[in-house]
Protein backbone atom coordinates (compact mmCIF):
# COMPACT_ATOMS: atom_id res chain seq x y z
CA UNK A 1 78.71 114.35 92.94
CA UNK A 2 79.96 110.78 93.30
CA UNK A 3 83.06 111.37 91.17
CA UNK A 4 83.89 114.60 92.98
CA UNK A 5 83.46 112.80 96.29
CA UNK A 6 85.75 110.02 95.08
CA UNK A 7 88.64 112.34 94.30
CA UNK A 8 88.02 114.38 97.44
CA UNK A 9 88.14 111.31 99.63
CA UNK A 10 91.46 110.31 98.13
CA UNK A 11 92.96 113.70 98.93
CA UNK A 12 91.64 113.59 102.49
CA UNK A 13 93.53 110.37 103.11
CA UNK A 14 96.96 111.77 102.14
CA UNK A 15 98.69 112.97 105.30
CA UNK A 16 100.00 116.50 105.55
CA UNK A 17 102.29 115.98 108.52
CA UNK A 18 105.86 114.83 108.62
CA UNK A 19 106.41 111.14 109.38
CA UNK A 20 107.52 110.06 112.81
CA UNK A 21 111.04 108.96 113.54
CA UNK A 22 111.76 105.49 112.22
CA UNK A 23 111.43 102.78 114.88
CA UNK A 24 114.10 100.11 114.85
CA UNK A 25 113.23 96.88 113.07
CA UNK A 26 114.91 93.80 114.43
CA UNK A 27 116.20 91.21 111.97
CA UNK A 28 114.24 88.69 114.04
CA UNK A 29 111.11 90.85 114.05
CA UNK A 30 107.92 89.18 115.17
CA UNK A 31 105.78 88.69 112.02
CA UNK A 32 102.82 89.89 114.09
CA UNK A 33 104.48 93.28 114.60
CA UNK A 34 102.59 96.44 113.71
CA UNK A 35 102.21 97.21 110.03
CA UNK A 36 102.53 100.87 110.98
CA UNK A 37 106.10 100.31 112.13
CA UNK A 38 107.00 98.87 108.72
CA UNK A 39 105.20 101.66 106.90
CA UNK A 40 107.24 104.30 108.73
CA UNK A 41 110.41 102.34 108.06
CA UNK A 42 109.61 102.11 104.35
CA UNK A 43 108.94 105.83 104.08
CA UNK A 44 112.28 106.71 105.70
CA UNK A 45 114.30 103.93 104.05
CA UNK A 46 115.76 105.97 101.20
CA UNK A 47 117.39 108.39 103.66
CA UNK A 48 119.11 105.55 105.53
CA UNK A 49 118.97 102.24 103.61
CA UNK A 50 118.85 99.19 105.87
CA UNK A 51 119.20 96.38 103.35
CA UNK A 52 119.77 93.65 105.93
CA UNK A 53 116.34 94.17 107.46
CA UNK A 54 114.32 94.15 104.24
CA UNK A 55 113.37 90.43 104.54
CA UNK A 56 112.10 90.97 108.10
CA UNK A 57 110.01 93.94 107.01
CA UNK A 58 108.58 92.05 104.02
CA UNK A 59 107.60 89.13 106.25
CA UNK A 60 105.48 91.54 108.27
CA UNK A 61 103.79 92.64 105.05
CA UNK A 62 103.00 89.03 104.16
CA UNK A 63 101.71 88.28 107.65
CA UNK A 64 99.49 91.37 107.56
CA UNK A 65 97.95 90.11 104.27
CA UNK A 66 99.01 93.34 102.61
CA UNK A 67 98.97 91.67 99.18
CA UNK A 68 95.50 90.17 99.50
CA UNK A 69 94.20 92.81 97.08
CA UNK A 70 96.88 93.23 94.38
CA UNK A 71 95.39 96.53 93.17
CA UNK A 72 95.99 98.08 96.57
CA UNK A 73 99.47 96.68 97.17
CA UNK A 74 101.41 98.71 94.61
CA UNK A 75 103.45 100.78 97.04
CA UNK A 76 104.76 97.67 98.82
CA UNK A 77 105.38 95.81 95.57
CA UNK A 78 107.35 98.79 94.29
CA UNK A 79 109.41 98.90 97.47
CA UNK A 80 110.37 95.22 97.20
CA UNK A 81 111.21 95.64 93.50
CA UNK A 82 113.36 98.67 94.30
CA UNK A 83 115.14 96.85 97.12
CA UNK A 84 115.96 93.94 94.80
CA UNK A 85 117.19 96.26 92.05
CA UNK A 86 119.21 98.52 94.31
CA UNK A 87 121.89 95.93 95.08
CA UNK A 88 122.49 93.58 92.09
CA UNK A 89 125.30 91.72 93.84
CA UNK A 90 123.01 90.70 96.72
CA UNK A 91 119.69 90.54 94.84
CA UNK A 92 119.46 86.74 94.82
CA UNK A 93 120.45 86.57 98.47
CA UNK A 94 117.68 89.03 99.31
CA UNK A 95 115.06 87.11 97.32
CA UNK A 96 116.04 83.82 98.94
CA UNK A 97 115.77 85.53 102.32
CA UNK A 98 112.10 86.25 101.67
CA UNK A 99 111.17 82.56 101.68
CA UNK A 100 109.12 80.76 102.85
CA UNK A 101 106.31 82.72 101.22
CA UNK A 102 102.58 81.98 101.43
CA UNK A 103 101.60 80.39 98.08
CA UNK A 104 98.95 83.04 97.49
CA UNK A 105 101.64 85.75 97.73
CA UNK A 106 104.26 84.19 95.45
CA UNK A 107 103.13 86.46 92.59
CA UNK A 108 104.65 89.37 94.53
CA UNK A 109 108.16 87.93 94.23
CA UNK A 110 107.71 87.15 90.53
CA UNK A 111 106.53 90.65 89.72
CA UNK A 112 109.05 92.35 92.02
CA UNK A 113 111.92 90.60 90.22
CA UNK A 114 110.47 91.56 86.81
CA UNK A 115 109.96 95.16 88.01
CA UNK A 116 113.36 95.40 89.71
CA UNK A 117 115.23 96.85 86.74
CA UNK A 118 118.07 94.35 87.21
CA UNK A 119 120.04 93.70 84.02
CA UNK A 120 119.97 89.97 84.85
CA UNK A 121 116.40 89.75 86.14
CA UNK A 122 115.43 86.95 83.73
CA UNK A 123 118.15 84.60 84.97
CA UNK A 124 117.27 85.42 88.57
CA UNK A 125 113.65 84.58 87.83
CA UNK A 126 114.70 81.28 86.23
CA UNK A 127 116.77 80.35 89.28
CA UNK A 128 113.90 81.14 91.64
CA UNK A 129 111.28 79.33 89.53
CA UNK A 130 111.76 75.86 91.14
CA UNK A 131 110.71 77.36 94.48
CA UNK A 132 107.41 78.61 93.02
CA UNK A 133 106.11 75.89 90.67
CA UNK A 134 102.57 77.24 91.07
CA UNK A 135 103.60 80.49 89.32
CA UNK A 136 105.09 78.91 86.22
CA UNK A 137 102.54 80.52 83.87
CA UNK A 138 103.23 83.98 85.27
CA UNK A 139 107.00 83.46 85.17
CA UNK A 140 106.89 82.22 81.57
CA UNK A 141 104.76 85.22 80.62
CA UNK A 142 107.39 87.64 81.91
CA UNK A 143 110.26 85.69 80.35
CA UNK A 144 108.53 85.63 76.96
CA UNK A 145 107.58 89.31 77.08
CA UNK A 146 103.83 88.65 77.21
CA UNK A 147 103.81 90.55 80.50
CA UNK A 148 105.74 93.83 80.58
CA UNK A 149 108.33 94.95 83.10
CA UNK A 150 107.77 98.23 84.93
CA UNK A 151 110.14 100.07 82.60
CA UNK A 152 108.36 98.73 79.51
CA UNK A 153 104.79 99.55 80.50
CA UNK A 154 103.65 102.47 78.30
CA UNK A 155 102.04 105.57 79.71
CA UNK A 156 98.96 104.99 77.59
CA UNK A 157 97.85 102.85 74.69
CA UNK A 158 98.97 104.16 71.32
CA UNK A 159 96.12 105.62 69.31
CA UNK A 160 95.63 104.23 65.79
CA UNK A 161 96.78 106.51 63.00
CA UNK A 162 94.73 107.57 59.98
CA UNK A 163 96.01 104.69 57.85
CA UNK A 164 95.12 102.18 60.58
CA UNK A 165 91.62 103.61 60.79
CA UNK A 166 91.16 103.44 57.02
CA UNK A 167 92.49 99.91 56.91
CA UNK A 168 90.06 98.88 59.64
CA UNK A 169 87.16 100.54 57.85
CA UNK A 170 87.80 98.55 54.68
CA UNK A 171 88.60 95.20 56.29
CA UNK A 172 85.96 95.18 59.03
CA UNK A 173 82.57 93.63 58.27
CA UNK A 174 79.99 96.02 59.78
CA UNK A 175 77.42 93.20 59.95
CA UNK A 176 79.67 90.80 61.78
CA UNK A 177 78.92 90.33 65.43
CA UNK A 178 82.06 90.95 67.42
CA UNK A 179 82.89 88.90 70.47
CA UNK A 180 83.87 91.21 73.31
CA UNK A 181 87.26 90.26 74.71
CA UNK A 182 88.81 91.15 78.03
CA UNK A 183 91.29 93.99 77.59
CA UNK A 184 94.43 92.97 79.47
CA UNK A 185 96.72 95.67 78.09
CA UNK A 186 98.42 97.42 80.99
CA UNK A 187 99.26 101.13 80.86
CA UNK A 188 99.81 103.77 83.50
CA UNK A 189 96.62 105.41 82.29
CA UNK A 190 94.41 102.39 82.92
CA UNK A 191 96.22 100.73 85.84
CA UNK A 192 96.08 103.31 88.56
CA UNK A 193 97.94 101.22 91.14
CA UNK A 194 101.12 101.65 89.09
CA UNK A 195 101.44 105.18 90.50
CA UNK A 196 101.74 103.55 93.93
CA UNK A 197 104.35 101.18 92.56
CA UNK A 198 106.53 104.03 91.32
CA UNK A 199 106.42 105.70 94.73
CA UNK A 200 107.34 102.42 96.43
CA UNK A 201 110.34 102.07 94.10
CA UNK A 202 111.40 105.61 94.96
CA UNK A 203 111.16 104.90 98.69
CA UNK A 204 113.47 101.90 98.27
CA UNK A 205 116.07 103.57 96.08
CA UNK A 206 115.78 107.36 96.11
CA UNK A 207 116.16 107.05 92.34
CA UNK A 208 114.75 109.81 90.16
CA UNK A 209 113.76 107.35 87.42
CA UNK A 210 110.29 106.69 88.92
CA UNK A 211 109.94 110.40 89.64
CA UNK A 212 110.54 111.12 85.95
CA UNK A 213 107.73 108.70 85.10
CA UNK A 214 105.39 110.42 87.53
CA UNK A 215 106.32 113.83 86.10
CA UNK A 216 105.39 112.56 82.63
CA UNK A 217 101.83 111.98 83.89
CA UNK A 218 101.38 115.61 84.95
CA UNK A 219 99.76 116.75 81.67
CA UNK A 220 96.87 114.40 82.48
CA UNK A 221 95.96 116.69 85.38
CA UNK A 222 94.73 119.05 82.66
CA UNK A 223 93.09 116.26 80.64
CA UNK A 224 89.42 116.47 79.79
CA UNK A 225 89.20 113.24 77.79
CA UNK A 226 88.89 110.43 80.33
CA UNK A 227 88.21 110.29 84.03
CA UNK A 228 91.08 107.81 84.50
CA UNK A 229 93.71 110.13 83.04
CA UNK A 230 92.38 113.14 84.92
CA UNK A 231 92.41 111.21 88.19
CA UNK A 232 95.88 109.70 87.74
CA UNK A 233 97.29 113.02 86.57
CA UNK A 234 95.73 114.86 89.51
CA UNK A 235 97.11 112.32 91.97
CA UNK A 236 100.54 112.47 90.33
CA UNK A 237 100.52 116.24 90.76
CA UNK A 238 99.26 116.10 94.35
CA UNK A 239 101.57 113.33 95.58
CA UNK A 240 104.59 115.05 94.03
CA UNK A 241 103.71 118.27 95.84
CA UNK A 242 102.85 116.48 99.06
CA UNK A 243 106.13 114.57 99.27
CA UNK A 244 108.21 117.51 98.05
CA UNK A 245 106.95 119.54 101.01
CA UNK A 246 108.75 117.11 103.33
CA UNK A 247 111.61 116.04 101.04
CA UNK A 248 114.04 118.84 100.26
CA UNK A 249 116.03 116.73 97.81
CA UNK A 250 112.89 115.91 95.83
CA UNK A 251 111.84 119.57 95.90
CA UNK A 252 115.17 120.68 94.49
CA UNK A 253 115.09 117.99 91.83
CA UNK A 254 111.62 119.05 90.67
CA UNK A 255 112.73 122.67 90.55
CA UNK A 256 115.70 121.67 88.42
CA UNK A 257 113.41 119.89 85.94
CA UNK A 258 111.47 123.06 85.16
CA UNK A 259 114.09 124.48 82.79
CA UNK A 260 114.03 121.44 80.51
CA UNK A 261 110.36 120.51 80.83
CA UNK A 262 108.19 120.39 77.74
CA UNK A 263 105.27 122.81 77.52
CA UNK A 264 102.58 120.28 78.58
CA UNK A 265 104.66 119.30 81.62
CA UNK A 266 105.96 122.74 82.59
CA UNK A 267 102.59 124.18 83.61
CA UNK A 268 101.54 121.52 86.12
CA UNK A 269 105.15 121.00 87.27
CA UNK A 270 105.37 124.73 88.08
CA UNK A 271 102.21 124.31 90.15
CA UNK A 272 103.79 121.36 91.98
CA UNK A 273 106.96 123.31 92.82
CA UNK A 274 105.07 126.42 93.92
CA UNK A 275 102.70 124.35 96.08
CA UNK A 276 105.63 122.53 97.69
CA UNK A 277 107.67 125.71 98.28
CA UNK A 278 104.75 127.54 99.87
CA UNK A 279 103.02 124.49 101.42
CA UNK A 280 99.80 125.27 99.57
CA UNK A 281 98.57 121.74 99.01
CA UNK A 282 94.94 122.71 99.47
CA UNK A 283 95.08 124.76 96.26
CA UNK A 284 96.20 121.72 94.27
CA UNK A 285 93.42 119.62 95.76
CA UNK A 286 90.73 122.23 95.09
CA UNK A 287 91.85 122.62 91.49
CA UNK A 288 91.54 118.87 90.93
CA UNK A 289 88.04 118.86 92.41
CA UNK A 290 87.04 121.77 90.19
CA UNK A 291 88.31 119.89 87.13
CA UNK A 292 86.24 116.84 88.04
CA UNK A 293 83.18 119.01 88.58
CA UNK A 294 83.72 120.57 85.15
CA UNK A 295 83.86 117.12 83.59
CA UNK A 296 80.67 116.25 85.41
CA UNK A 297 78.75 119.20 84.02
CA UNK A 298 80.27 119.51 80.54
CA UNK A 299 81.52 116.05 79.71
CA UNK A 300 84.83 115.36 78.00
CA UNK A 301 86.28 117.38 75.17
CA UNK A 302 85.92 114.45 72.81
CA UNK A 303 82.61 113.05 74.06
CA UNK A 304 79.94 115.17 75.65
CA UNK A 305 77.78 114.30 78.64
CA UNK A 306 76.11 110.88 78.23
CA UNK A 307 78.77 109.52 75.89
CA UNK A 308 81.49 110.37 78.39
CA UNK A 309 79.76 109.25 81.56
CA UNK A 310 78.74 106.03 79.88
CA UNK A 311 82.34 104.92 80.13
CA UNK A 312 82.36 105.53 83.87
CA UNK A 313 79.36 103.33 84.58
CA UNK A 314 77.24 102.95 87.70
CA UNK A 315 79.37 101.82 90.59
CA UNK A 316 82.62 102.11 88.67
CA UNK A 317 83.91 104.93 90.85
CA UNK A 318 86.19 103.17 93.31
CA UNK A 319 88.50 104.20 96.10
CA UNK A 320 91.60 102.32 97.16
CA UNK A 321 94.46 102.72 99.59
CA UNK A 322 97.90 101.19 99.86
CA UNK A 323 96.32 98.54 102.10
CA UNK A 324 93.26 98.12 104.28
CA UNK A 325 95.43 98.54 107.38
CA UNK A 326 96.81 101.83 106.07
CA UNK A 327 93.42 103.43 106.57
CA UNK A 328 94.30 103.58 110.24
CA UNK A 329 97.87 104.68 109.63
CA UNK A 330 97.48 107.86 107.61
CA UNK A 331 99.86 109.75 109.86
CA UNK A 332 102.75 107.62 108.62
CA UNK A 333 103.29 109.56 105.41
CA UNK A 334 102.53 106.83 102.89
CA UNK A 335 99.81 108.11 100.55
CA UNK A 336 96.52 106.53 99.80
CA UNK A 337 96.75 106.83 96.04
CA UNK A 338 94.41 104.88 93.79
CA UNK A 339 93.35 101.29 93.75
CA UNK A 340 90.45 99.17 92.72
CA UNK A 341 88.37 98.61 95.86
CA UNK A 342 85.17 100.58 96.45
CA UNK A 343 84.71 102.42 99.73
CA UNK A 344 81.21 103.72 100.21
CA UNK A 345 82.05 104.60 103.80
CA UNK A 346 84.68 107.14 102.79
CA UNK A 347 82.46 108.60 100.09
CA UNK A 348 79.67 108.99 102.64
CA UNK A 349 82.11 110.58 105.08
CA UNK A 350 83.14 113.21 102.51
CA UNK A 351 79.54 113.96 101.58
CA UNK A 352 78.65 114.50 105.23
CA UNK A 353 81.45 117.03 105.56
CA UNK A 354 79.86 119.07 102.76
CA UNK A 355 76.48 119.37 104.50
């Protein structure tokens, strides 16, 4: 029940109404201004880019401590990265306009530059480095390739082939005690906030590149192997449908992708287009909940019952939003996708609705 409640609560938080008209943002905006104003502005930005006011909007995000929890800040990180990448000639000017930055938030600028997609992002990062000496390790990690850019992050970790498995069987000592190491490999399958980041990039640019990445996750909505892939795939499918309802250009683009879609993508993409055309979002949500319930009762295709749920763990089901403040701003149109913070209150709320 907990996993079903988790996914249900996520869907409840995604607004189904059109966003309000965009309030004006002054270039001298008070940093204590409402986060909701900036959220609305971000959502509508791609329709009418306002590059000059990006620094003012970002300062509000910093003041509101939006980046306090990095796992729940993906949509804003993606927006900043997209804004930087959308105008290469003025990228450095934009980045310099974001300073001064609270030291605890400097990682945002480092990652946004690396995620920007700029051809010259490395040199920009080197020029900015003297202003953020406390982030030297992170900067060096991106420059050396230890940390991946957004375009280089794989959808999921490559599975070892038969030869790799045989090689491991012959070289591994079965009696040797292995030291468990922290897995820091980042993929879209295991880092759920990256879905937020792609949407933020889209809001800043209107580019279909992040949309293509989201479309490639759609087969996971039919996955029965891991709860992570099922959840990310379901949210990819639902957010695509939800935004396409209100975004005619996105709806037409998705419809155009159907003809060239591969078989695993075509099925769920057809569902997205039909749900957007007919405004039947509830059907997409209910299907995702049914899939989770099936996993709960049958286990995964590859591991049944206890083996599968052992990887979930007690208390591992978590619910995140784009920011804590966004919980009160769901009418804006920015989705609560997936993050890392637990929210027992929302789970309890959903369970009460079922009684």
